Amino acid sequence: MKLAEYLQYDALGLAELVAKKDVQASELLDIALQRAEQTNPQLNAIIIPMHEHARQRTQTKLTGPFAGVPFLVKDLFQQYAGYPTSFGCQGLKRAHHLAEQNAEIVNRWENSGIVTFGRTNTPEFGIKGITEPDAWGACKNPWNLKHNSGGSSGGSASAVAAGIVPIAGASDGGGSIRIPASYCGLFGLKPSRGRTPWGPQLSEAMHGAAMQHILSKSVRDSAAMLDATHGADGHSLFKIEAPERSYLDAIQQAPKKLRIAYSTHSPIGTAVSQDAINAIQKTVQLLESLGHEVVEDRPAIDGMQLAKDFITTWFSQFAYLIAEIQTRLPNHSDNFELDSLALAAFGAKTTSVDYIRNLNNWGVYVAQMNQFFERYDLYLIPATASVAPKNGEVKTPAWQKPILKTLLHAGKAHWLAQGKLVDRIVKENLKWVPFTQLANITGLPAMSVPLYWNKDNLPLGSQFIAPFAREDVLLQLAAQLETAQPWWHQYAKIRI
């Protein structure tokens, strides 16, 4: 098999070739490594190689729906025992931190037959919507190397879009599957709370707001991998009902006529680009042409308060994580990035009363979305407020850096998170990606579908949110959209 032929197949297509003995798993690995050698020096998507593991895997009897398919995992909560795991952190990278055991999601991916040969770039501890960690450097977007791939699953998105692998591991705690899917022109599904496991390292992440899955080019790959990985493990706090039929079976059937609400209004009142508006308008037209009813409307949720509640949880959980990591590392001033230390300082000062009030608000948002879905089947919004930003464009404002350093040194960084500055911090953090946190807080399934490229050939995803546990409806609609407006031809425009 030549590279040009390899690029024409999705993961299930490659697995079918392996099953028919038209190609061997070792050959596919060679091609993936060839493509990585060709593109990764420019992309910086793969940061930790696992070639020995991959070679050994190809010499064993592989079974499962993805048997023999080259794969990459995110360098964040997707641990392989005995292999370096940095979480995008300089301190862990320097310490050559090795995982003690596999993550359960990794075990389930392995049982599907994949061949993992590397770990992908991610922002430090996954806390940003871009991938530019000090530890590893920026991950470039294959559509235009001046732009970022997004985050936090940026390395995986870049590798899939560039054709290194057809699918790659990803996770989503505030949009980290859907954001890079939007920026890199991929299909990205965030499953419902509890749909995929977090054990044994965690019972759940961010009270179930964060979920594990993959990024892919085809809808059917995402459906088949969810079939292979869904369900709680022995560490899970929450158990979700299994689907009535497999997701791969579900997408063989077109969805019923759907009533879909849509909006392009930023929930935190920040600017929304014309590209994002155009993407949704074109998607509305496509949906109507397919017979669906589309209505401009949005849920009665205070978007700014929801964003503050998300930030409260995010910063507080991050403060705990940083404190845990610090106990394992030698004391170096550059173990963690300035932004990370500042966020942890904010989070450490959250009171227990404020934290519980915040979690109670999550329940209010769930109820409001449930009421909204009494009138609608799905909710359509942009995945991101614009196409991918340029590398270095999303950064801590210059006015904040000297203040942060001074306040951190004095142990007073949390002062910045008081009064009206809270709103400013929220908007600075989320203005690029204000649309994704709703699905995380409410635990609802959501997906970014690649239906729009602008005049500069940069993609922007259309995001759909569904009622709880209705991944089947999302995947059915995505398959219908993929058939009506195929996007595979777009990848041939990538020139790296």
Protein backbone atom coordinates (compact mmCIF):
# COMPACT_ATOMS: atom_id res chain seq x y z
CA MET A 1 0.00 0.00 0.00
CA LYS A 2 1.16 3.51 -0.87
CA LEU A 3 0.55 6.60 1.25
CA ALA A 4 -1.96 8.00 -1.26
CA GLU A 5 -4.08 4.87 -0.90
CA TYR A 6 -3.74 4.84 2.91
CA LEU A 7 -5.12 8.38 3.04
CA GLN A 8 -8.30 7.33 1.23
CA TYR A 9 -9.46 5.00 4.01
CA ASP A 10 -11.04 5.59 7.37
CA ALA A 11 -10.12 3.33 10.30
CA LEU A 12 -12.84 0.76 9.67
CA GLY A 13 -11.81 0.65 6.02
CA LEU A 14 -8.19 -0.08 6.94
CA ALA A 15 -9.27 -2.73 9.44
CA GLU A 16 -11.33 -4.41 6.73
CA LEU A 17 -8.26 -4.59 4.48
CA VAL A 18 -6.29 -6.18 7.31
CA ALA A 19 -9.08 -8.69 7.96
CA LYS A 20 -9.12 -9.66 4.27
CA LYS A 21 -5.30 -9.94 4.34
CA ASP A 22 -4.97 -7.34 1.61
CA VAL A 23 -2.51 -5.54 3.86
CA GLN A 24 -0.73 -6.37 7.11
CA ALA A 25 -0.84 -4.36 10.34
CA SER A 26 2.92 -3.91 10.13
CA GLU A 27 2.57 -2.34 6.68
CA LEU A 28 -0.02 0.13 7.95
CA LEU A 29 2.27 1.03 10.83
CA ASP A 30 5.14 1.63 8.41
CA ILE A 31 2.98 4.01 6.36
CA ALA A 32 1.78 5.85 9.48
CA LEU A 33 5.37 6.25 10.65
CA GLN A 34 6.36 7.44 7.19
CA ARG A 35 3.60 10.05 7.22
CA ALA A 36 4.58 11.09 10.75
CA GLU A 37 8.22 11.49 9.71
CA GLN A 38 7.07 13.60 6.78
CA THR A 39 4.70 15.91 8.65
CA ASN A 40 5.36 15.88 12.38
CA PRO A 41 8.49 18.09 12.27
CA GLN A 42 6.17 20.82 10.96
CA LEU A 43 3.11 19.98 13.06
CA ASN A 44 4.61 19.02 16.43
CA ALA A 45 1.59 16.77 16.99
CA ILE A 46 3.37 13.64 18.30
CA ILE A 47 5.63 14.30 21.27
CA ILE A 48 6.33 10.89 22.84
CA PRO A 49 7.00 7.92 20.51
CA MET A 50 5.89 4.39 21.38
CA HIS A 51 7.36 2.61 18.36
CA GLU A 52 8.57 -0.46 20.24
CA HIS A 53 5.12 -1.03 21.69
CA ALA A 54 3.60 -0.67 18.21
CA ARG A 55 6.06 -3.08 16.56
CA GLN A 56 5.32 -5.68 19.19
CA ARG A 57 1.57 -5.21 18.74
CA THR A 58 1.75 -5.85 15.02
CA GLN A 59 3.41 -9.22 15.67
CA THR A 60 0.53 -10.44 17.85
CA LYS A 61 -2.90 -11.72 16.87
CA LEU A 62 -5.06 -8.60 16.83
CA THR A 63 -8.82 -8.80 17.05
CA GLY A 64 -11.64 -6.31 17.21
CA PRO A 65 -13.29 -3.80 14.87
CA PHE A 66 -10.08 -1.77 14.46
CA ALA A 67 -7.58 -4.63 14.33
CA GLY A 68 -4.29 -3.39 12.88
CA VAL A 69 -5.22 0.32 12.62
CA PRO A 70 -2.46 2.81 13.58
CA PHE A 71 -3.48 4.95 16.55
CA LEU A 72 -2.25 7.74 18.81
CA VAL A 73 -3.27 8.65 22.35
CA LYS A 74 -3.40 12.03 24.01
CA ASP A 75 -0.68 12.74 26.57
CA LEU A 76 -3.30 13.42 29.24
CA PHE A 77 -5.16 10.80 31.32
CA GLN A 78 -4.62 8.14 28.64
CA GLN A 79 -1.78 6.34 30.35
CA TYR A 80 0.19 3.33 29.14
CA ALA A 81 2.01 1.52 31.94
CA GLY A 82 5.76 2.07 31.78
CA TYR A 83 5.62 4.86 29.21
CA PRO A 84 6.33 8.57 29.78
CA THR A 85 3.30 10.69 30.60
CA SER A 86 3.86 14.44 30.90
CA PHE A 87 0.34 15.94 30.88
CA GLY A 88 1.96 18.75 28.89
CA CYS A 89 3.87 19.76 32.03
CA GLN A 90 7.54 20.77 32.09
CA GLY A 91 8.08 19.34 35.57
CA LEU A 92 6.71 15.90 34.70
CA LYS A 93 8.58 15.90 31.40
CA ARG A 94 11.85 16.73 33.17
CA ALA A 95 11.22 14.03 35.79
CA HIS A 96 10.55 11.48 33.01
CA HIS A 97 7.35 10.51 34.80
CA LEU A 98 6.23 6.97 33.90
CA ALA A 99 2.65 5.74 34.16
CA GLU A 100 2.17 2.93 36.68
CA GLN A 101 -0.80 1.31 34.97
CA ASN A 102 -2.95 1.56 31.88
CA ALA A 103 -5.99 3.79 31.86
CA GLU A 104 -9.15 1.73 31.37
CA ILE A 105 -9.99 3.67 28.18
CA VAL A 106 -6.59 2.57 26.82
CA ASN A 107 -7.40 -1.06 27.63
CA ARG A 108 -10.67 -0.79 25.74
CA TRP A 109 -8.97 0.84 22.77
CA GLU A 110 -6.39 -1.97 22.78
CA ASN A 111 -9.18 -4.54 22.87
CA SER A 112 -10.60 -2.94 19.72
CA GLY A 113 -7.36 -3.91 17.96
CA ILE A 114 -5.64 -0.54 17.45
CA VAL A 115 -1.85 -0.17 17.26
CA THR A 116 -0.68 2.79 19.34
CA PHE A 117 2.68 4.25 18.33
CA GLY A 118 2.79 7.60 20.13
CA ARG A 119 1.38 10.20 22.49
CA THR A 120 0.09 13.56 21.25
CA ASN A 121 0.68 17.15 22.25
CA THR A 122 -1.68 18.85 24.71
CA PRO A 123 -1.67 22.10 26.70
CA GLU A 124 -0.45 21.80 30.28
CA PHE A 125 -3.02 19.64 32.09
CA GLY A 126 -5.48 20.33 29.27
CA ILE A 127 -6.47 23.71 30.66
CA LYS A 128 -6.58 25.70 27.41
CA GLY A 129 -8.46 25.68 24.12
CA ILE A 130 -5.15 25.85 22.25
CA THR A 131 -2.10 23.56 22.33
CA GLU A 132 1.00 25.62 23.11
CA PRO A 133 2.63 24.12 26.22
CA ASP A 134 5.98 25.46 27.36
CA ALA A 135 7.09 21.84 27.72
CA TRP A 136 6.63 20.86 24.07
CA GLY A 137 5.80 23.95 22.01
CA ALA A 138 2.87 24.83 19.77
CA CYS A 139 0.99 22.21 17.76
CA LYS A 140 0.36 23.53 14.26
CA ASN A 141 -2.82 23.25 12.23
CA PRO A 142 -2.40 21.22 9.00
CA TRP A 143 -4.74 23.57 7.12
CA ASN A 144 -2.38 26.47 7.76
CA LEU A 145 0.77 26.07 9.82
CA LYS A 146 0.51 29.66 11.07
CA HIS A 147 -2.63 28.63 12.98
CA ASN A 148 -3.05 26.46 16.05
CA SER A 149 -4.73 23.07 16.12
CA GLY A 150 -6.83 23.94 19.18
CA GLY A 151 -6.99 22.18 22.50
CA SER A 152 -6.79 20.38 24.53
CA SER A 153 -6.78 17.43 22.12
CA GLY A 154 -4.79 19.49 19.65
CA GLY A 155 -2.05 16.99 18.87
CA SER A 156 -4.54 14.25 18.11
CA ALA A 157 -6.59 16.56 15.89
CA SER A 158 -3.54 17.71 13.96
CA ALA A 159 -2.36 14.13 13.41
CA VAL A 160 -5.75 12.92 12.15
CA ALA A 161 -6.31 15.90 9.84
CA ALA A 162 -2.82 15.48 8.39
CA GLY A 163 -3.43 11.80 7.68
CA ILE A 164 -0.91 10.32 10.09
CA VAL A 165 -3.69 8.22 11.61
CA PRO A 166 -7.40 7.96 10.76
CA ILE A 167 -8.47 8.18 14.42
CA ALA A 168 -6.79 9.26 17.68
CA GLY A 169 -7.56 9.42 21.38
CA ALA A 170 -9.09 12.61 22.74
CA SER A 171 -10.93 13.91 25.78
CA ASP A 172 -13.31 16.77 26.49
CA GLY A 173 -13.74 18.65 29.79
CA GLY A 174 -14.75 22.03 28.41
CA GLY A 175 -14.75 21.47 24.67
CA SER A 176 -11.44 19.69 24.19
CA ILE A 177 -12.75 17.28 21.54
CA ARG A 178 -15.12 19.68 19.81
CA ILE A 179 -12.77 22.70 19.71
CA PRO A 180 -9.89 20.98 17.85
CA ALA A 181 -12.46 19.17 15.69
CA SER A 182 -13.82 22.57 14.68
CA TYR A 183 -10.38 24.05 14.03
CA CYS A 184 -9.05 21.01 12.15
CA GLY A 185 -12.12 20.04 10.12
CA LEU A 186 -12.83 16.73 11.89
CA PHE A 187 -15.77 14.91 13.40
CA GLY A 188 -15.68 15.11 17.18
CA LEU A 189 -18.22 13.62 19.59
CA LYS A 190 -18.26 14.27 23.34
CA PRO A 191 -20.23 11.43 24.93
CA SER A 192 -22.77 11.79 27.74
CA ARG A 193 -21.68 11.87 31.37
CA GLY A 194 -20.61 8.35 32.34
CA ARG A 195 -20.62 6.89 28.82
CA THR A 196 -16.87 6.08 28.79
CA PRO A 197 -14.62 5.17 31.77
CA TRP A 198 -11.97 7.10 33.69
CA GLY A 199 -10.60 4.32 35.93
CA PRO A 200 -8.45 3.22 37.53
CA GLN A 201 -6.73 6.57 38.04
CA LEU A 202 -10.03 8.43 38.57
CA SER A 203 -13.67 7.57 39.19
CA GLU A 204 -14.73 10.50 37.04
CA ALA A 205 -13.26 13.85 35.99
CA MET A 206 -14.79 17.20 36.98
CA HIS A 207 -17.95 15.54 38.33
CA GLY A 208 -18.49 13.83 34.99
CA ALA A 209 -18.08 16.99 32.92
CA ALA A 210 -15.01 15.53 31.20
CA MET A 211 -15.32 12.52 28.91
CA GLN A 212 -12.96 10.33 26.87
CA HIS A 213 -13.44 9.42 23.19
CA ILE A 214 -11.71 9.95 19.83
CA LEU A 215 -11.34 12.36 16.93
CA SER A 216 -12.01 10.99 13.45
CA LYS A 217 -12.63 11.89 9.84
CA SER A 218 -15.65 9.61 9.42
CA VAL A 219 -18.80 9.39 11.52
CA ARG A 220 -18.84 5.60 11.41
CA ASP A 221 -15.38 5.37 13.02
CA SER A 222 -16.63 7.41 15.96
CA ALA A 223 -19.76 5.28 16.26
CA ALA A 224 -17.83 1.99 16.13
CA MET A 225 -15.27 3.14 18.70
CA LEU A 226 -18.03 4.24 21.06
CA ASP A 227 -19.50 0.76 20.68
CA ALA A 228 -16.11 -0.65 21.68
CA THR A 229 -15.55 1.56 24.73
CA HIS A 230 -18.87 2.62 26.26
CA GLY A 231 -19.94 1.69 29.77
CA ALA A 232 -18.80 2.15 33.34
CA ASP A 233 -15.90 0.28 34.91
CA GLY A 234 -15.37 -0.80 38.51
CA HIS A 235 -14.21 2.68 39.52
CA SER A 236 -17.13 4.65 38.09
CA LEU A 237 -19.39 6.66 40.38
CA PHE A 238 -22.08 6.88 37.74
CA LYS A 239 -23.56 4.14 35.57
CA ILE A 240 -25.31 4.99 32.33
CA GLU A 241 -27.74 2.71 30.56
CA ALA A 242 -26.36 0.88 27.54
CA PRO A 243 -27.88 1.86 24.17
CA GLU A 244 -30.69 -0.31 22.85
CA ARG A 245 -28.63 -1.14 19.75
CA SER A 246 -25.10 -0.52 18.62
CA TYR A 247 -24.23 2.95 17.41
CA LEU A 248 -22.83 1.50 14.21
CA ASP A 249 -26.20 -0.12 13.55
CA ALA A 250 -28.04 3.08 14.45
CA ILE A 251 -26.33 5.15 11.77
CA GLN A 252 -27.51 2.77 9.07
CA GLN A 253 -30.91 4.39 9.55
CA ALA A 254 -31.67 8.04 8.79
CA PRO A 255 -33.00 10.08 11.71
CA LYS A 256 -36.66 10.95 11.95
CA LYS A 257 -37.69 14.49 11.07
CA LEU A 258 -36.02 16.55 13.81
CA ARG A 259 -37.05 19.83 15.37
CA ILE A 260 -33.80 21.71 15.92
CA ALA A 261 -33.23 25.03 17.68
CA TYR A 262 -30.24 27.13 16.69
CA SER A 263 -28.41 30.24 17.84
CA THR A 264 -25.23 32.15 17.01
CA HIS A 265 -25.40 34.35 20.13
CA SER A 266 -22.37 34.08 22.43
CA PRO A 267 -23.65 33.02 25.86
CA ILE A 268 -21.12 35.32 27.54
CA GLY A 269 -21.76 38.30 25.27
CA THR A 270 -18.44 38.15 23.43
CA ALA A 271 -17.93 38.63 19.69
CA VAL A 272 -18.89 35.89 17.26
CA SER A 273 -17.10 35.92 13.89
CA GLN A 274 -18.87 36.10 10.56
CA ASP A 275 -17.38 32.69 9.77
CA ALA A 276 -19.20 31.16 12.75
CA ILE A 277 -22.45 32.83 11.71
CA ASN A 278 -21.99 31.69 8.12
CA ALA A 279 -21.27 28.13 9.24
CA ILE A 280 -24.52 27.91 11.19
CA GLN A 281 -26.59 29.60 8.51
CA LYS A 282 -25.31 27.14 5.91
CA THR A 283 -25.98 24.25 8.27
CA VAL A 284 -29.53 25.48 8.84
CA GLN A 285 -30.10 25.52 5.08
CA LEU A 286 -28.69 21.99 4.76
CA LEU A 287 -30.88 20.71 7.60
CA GLU A 288 -33.99 22.24 6.04
CA SER A 289 -33.13 20.68 2.68
CA LEU A 290 -33.08 17.30 4.46
CA GLY A 291 -36.59 17.87 5.80
CA HIS A 292 -35.80 18.93 9.36
CA GLU A 293 -37.56 21.83 11.09
CA VAL A 294 -35.12 24.49 12.28
CA VAL A 295 -36.10 27.31 14.64
CA GLU A 296 -34.00 30.18 15.99
CA ASP A 297 -34.17 29.87 19.78
CA ARG A 298 -31.94 29.24 22.79
CA PRO A 299 -32.40 27.88 26.30
CA ALA A 300 -33.28 30.23 29.15
CA ILE A 301 -29.87 29.90 30.79
CA ASP A 302 -27.73 32.72 32.19
CA GLY A 303 -24.67 32.05 30.05
CA MET A 304 -22.34 34.27 32.04
CA GLN A 305 -23.29 32.60 35.30
CA LEU A 306 -22.83 29.18 33.73
CA ALA A 307 -19.36 30.26 32.55
CA LYS A 308 -18.49 31.45 36.07
CA ASP A 309 -19.67 28.16 37.52
CA PHE A 310 -17.59 26.27 34.97
CA ILE A 311 -14.55 28.39 35.84
CA THR A 312 -15.12 27.80 39.57
CA THR A 313 -15.09 24.03 39.11
CA TRP A 314 -12.25 24.09 36.60
CA PHE A 315 -9.94 26.28 38.72
CA SER A 316 -10.78 24.48 41.98
CA GLN A 317 -10.20 21.01 40.55
CA PHE A 318 -7.01 22.28 38.96
CA ALA A 319 -5.75 23.60 42.32
CA TYR A 320 -6.12 20.09 43.72
CA LEU A 321 -4.33 18.53 40.73
CA ILE A 322 -1.40 20.97 40.95
CA ALA A 323 -1.07 20.32 44.69
CA GLU A 324 -0.95 16.56 44.06
CA ILE A 325 1.63 16.87 41.29
CA GLN A 326 3.84 19.17 43.37
CA THR A 327 4.31 16.43 45.95
CA ARG A 328 5.93 14.22 43.31
CA LEU A 329 8.36 16.72 41.79
CA PRO A 330 11.61 18.35 42.88
CA ASN A 331 11.13 22.03 43.65
CA HIS A 332 11.86 23.95 40.42
CA SER A 333 10.54 27.40 39.63
CA ASP A 334 9.54 26.37 36.12
CA ASN A 335 7.74 23.11 36.96
CA PHE A 336 4.46 24.77 35.97
CA GLU A 337 3.46 27.56 33.61
CA LEU A 338 2.55 30.99 34.96
CA ASP A 339 -1.05 30.60 33.81
CA SER A 340 -1.32 27.25 35.56
CA LEU A 341 -0.04 28.63 38.84
CA ALA A 342 -2.44 31.56 38.61
CA LEU A 343 -5.46 29.37 37.90
CA ALA A 344 -4.52 27.08 40.77
CA ALA A 345 -4.15 30.06 43.08
CA PHE A 346 -7.63 31.27 42.14
CA GLY A 347 -9.10 27.81 42.63
CA ALA A 348 -7.42 27.22 45.99
CA LYS A 349 -9.30 30.16 47.48
CA THR A 350 -12.75 28.87 46.53
CA THR A 351 -14.70 28.23 49.72
CA SER A 352 -16.61 25.02 50.30
CA VAL A 353 -19.87 27.00 50.41
CA ASP A 354 -19.13 28.63 47.04
CA TYR A 355 -18.17 25.28 45.54
CA ILE A 356 -21.38 23.57 46.66
CA ARG A 357 -23.44 26.54 45.46
CA ASN A 358 -21.71 26.20 42.10
CA LEU A 359 -22.52 22.47 41.89
CA ASN A 360 -26.13 23.13 42.81
CA ASN A 361 -26.28 25.54 39.88
CA TRP A 362 -25.22 22.69 37.60
CA GLY A 363 -28.48 20.98 38.50
CA VAL A 364 -30.41 24.10 37.55
CA TYR A 365 -28.81 24.09 34.10
CA VAL A 366 -29.66 20.41 33.66
CA ALA A 367 -33.31 21.15 34.45
CA GLN A 368 -33.34 24.11 32.06
CA MET A 369 -31.92 22.00 29.23
CA ASN A 370 -34.42 19.23 29.95
CA GLN A 371 -37.22 21.79 29.63
CA PHE A 372 -35.68 23.08 26.41
CA PHE A 373 -35.60 19.58 24.97
CA GLU A 374 -39.31 19.18 25.63
CA ARG A 375 -39.73 21.49 22.61
CA TYR A 376 -36.71 20.51 20.53
CA ASP A 377 -34.80 17.37 19.58
CA LEU A 378 -31.40 19.06 19.23
CA TYR A 379 -29.67 22.41 19.79
CA LEU A 380 -27.36 23.80 17.06
CA ILE A 381 -24.65 26.38 17.85
CA PRO A 382 -21.13 27.11 16.57
CA ALA A 383 -18.44 24.83 17.95
CA THR A 384 -16.07 27.81 18.21
CA ALA A 385 -16.47 31.58 17.90
CA SER A 386 -14.03 31.75 14.99
CA VAL A 387 -11.71 29.65 12.87
CA ALA A 388 -8.45 28.58 14.49
CA PRO A 389 -6.41 31.41 16.00
CA LYS A 390 -2.82 31.93 14.94
CA ASN A 391 -0.05 30.44 17.04
CA GLY A 392 0.68 32.81 19.90
CA GLU A 393 -2.53 34.77 19.42
CA VAL A 394 -4.32 33.33 22.46
CA LYS A 395 -2.27 34.24 25.48
CA THR A 396 -2.44 35.86 28.87
CA PRO A 397 -3.01 39.61 28.35
CA ALA A 398 0.15 41.66 28.75
CA TRP A 399 -1.45 43.67 31.55
CA GLN A 400 -1.92 40.51 33.63
CA LYS A 401 1.55 38.95 33.51
CA PRO A 402 3.54 41.32 35.78
CA ILE A 403 0.61 41.55 38.17
CA LEU A 404 0.29 37.76 38.29
CA LYS A 405 3.98 37.28 38.99
CA THR A 406 3.93 39.83 41.80
CA LEU A 407 0.76 38.48 43.38
CA LEU A 408 1.90 34.87 43.08
CA HIS A 409 5.15 35.73 44.82
CA ALA A 410 3.14 37.37 47.60
CA GLY A 411 0.61 34.54 47.76
CA LYS A 412 -2.18 36.90 46.74
CA ALA A 413 -2.92 35.87 43.12
CA HIS A 414 -6.53 35.09 44.06
CA TRP A 415 -7.10 38.83 44.48
CA LEU A 416 -7.47 39.03 40.70
CA ALA A 417 -10.57 36.84 40.94
CA GLN A 418 -12.59 39.37 42.88
CA GLY A 419 -15.20 41.91 41.91
CA LYS A 420 -15.65 42.89 38.28
CA LEU A 421 -12.32 41.32 37.34
CA VAL A 422 -14.04 37.94 37.55
CA ASP A 423 -16.14 38.76 34.49
CA ARG A 424 -13.06 39.98 32.66
CA ILE A 425 -11.12 36.81 33.45
CA VAL A 426 -14.03 34.63 32.33
CA LYS A 427 -14.32 36.47 29.03
CA GLU A 428 -10.57 36.46 28.43
CA ASN A 429 -10.46 32.70 29.02
CA LEU A 430 -13.55 31.75 27.03
CA LYS A 431 -14.06 34.38 24.33
CA TRP A 432 -12.60 32.10 21.65
CA VAL A 433 -14.65 29.10 22.81
CA PRO A 434 -17.82 30.23 24.63
CA PHE A 435 -20.12 27.57 23.16
CA THR A 436 -18.79 24.25 24.46
CA GLN A 437 -19.00 24.35 28.27
CA LEU A 438 -22.81 24.02 28.34
CA ALA A 439 -22.66 20.36 27.29
CA ASN A 440 -19.92 19.58 29.82
CA ILE A 441 -21.70 21.07 32.83
CA THR A 442 -25.02 19.43 31.92
CA GLY A 443 -23.40 16.12 30.96
CA LEU A 444 -25.15 16.12 27.60
CA PRO A 445 -23.70 14.53 24.45
CA ALA A 446 -22.50 17.00 21.83
CA MET A 447 -20.65 16.86 18.52
CA SER A 448 -18.79 19.13 16.11
CA VAL A 449 -19.49 18.35 12.45
CA PRO A 450 -17.18 19.71 9.68
CA LEU A 451 -19.56 21.40 7.27
CA TYR A 452 -17.88 24.76 6.62
CA TRP A 453 -14.56 26.05 5.27
CA ASN A 454 -13.98 29.79 4.80
CA LYS A 455 -12.36 31.57 1.85
CA ASP A 456 -8.93 30.92 3.36
CA ASN A 457 -9.68 27.18 3.53
CA LEU A 458 -9.92 27.15 7.32
CA PRO A 459 -12.71 24.98 8.82
CA LEU A 460 -15.24 25.78 11.53
CA GLY A 461 -17.51 23.12 13.03
CA SER A 462 -21.25 23.10 13.58
CA GLN A 463 -22.03 21.89 17.10
CA PHE A 464 -25.13 19.90 18.01
CA ILE A 465 -26.21 19.13 21.59
CA ALA A 466 -28.69 16.32 22.30
CA PRO A 467 -30.70 15.18 25.32
CA PHE A 468 -28.89 12.97 27.79
CA ALA A 469 -27.76 9.57 26.49
CA ARG A 470 -28.95 10.29 22.94
CA GLU A 471 -25.64 9.85 21.16
CA ASP A 472 -27.60 7.71 18.72
CA VAL A 473 -29.58 10.73 17.49
CA LEU A 474 -26.40 12.78 17.08
CA LEU A 475 -24.62 10.03 15.19
CA GLN A 476 -27.62 9.37 12.94
CA LEU A 477 -27.84 13.04 12.01
CA ALA A 478 -24.07 13.27 11.52
CA ALA A 479 -24.15 10.30 9.14
CA GLN A 480 -27.00 11.92 7.22
CA LEU A 481 -25.08 15.20 6.98
CA GLU A 482 -21.92 13.36 5.92
CA THR A 483 -23.85 11.73 3.08
CA ALA A 484 -25.59 14.94 2.03
CA GLN A 485 -22.48 17.10 2.18
CA PRO A 486 -19.38 14.87 2.20
CA TRP A 487 -16.22 16.43 3.59
CA TRP A 488 -13.56 13.85 2.78
CA HIS A 489 -12.52 15.63 -0.42
CA GLN A 490 -11.49 18.62 1.72
CA TYR A 491 -8.54 16.73 3.23
CA ALA A 492 -6.88 16.48 -0.19
CA LYS A 493 -6.36 20.26 0.05
CA ILE A 494 -3.93 19.85 2.95
CA ARG A 495 -0.41 20.28 1.58
CA ILE A 496 2.28 19.32 4.05
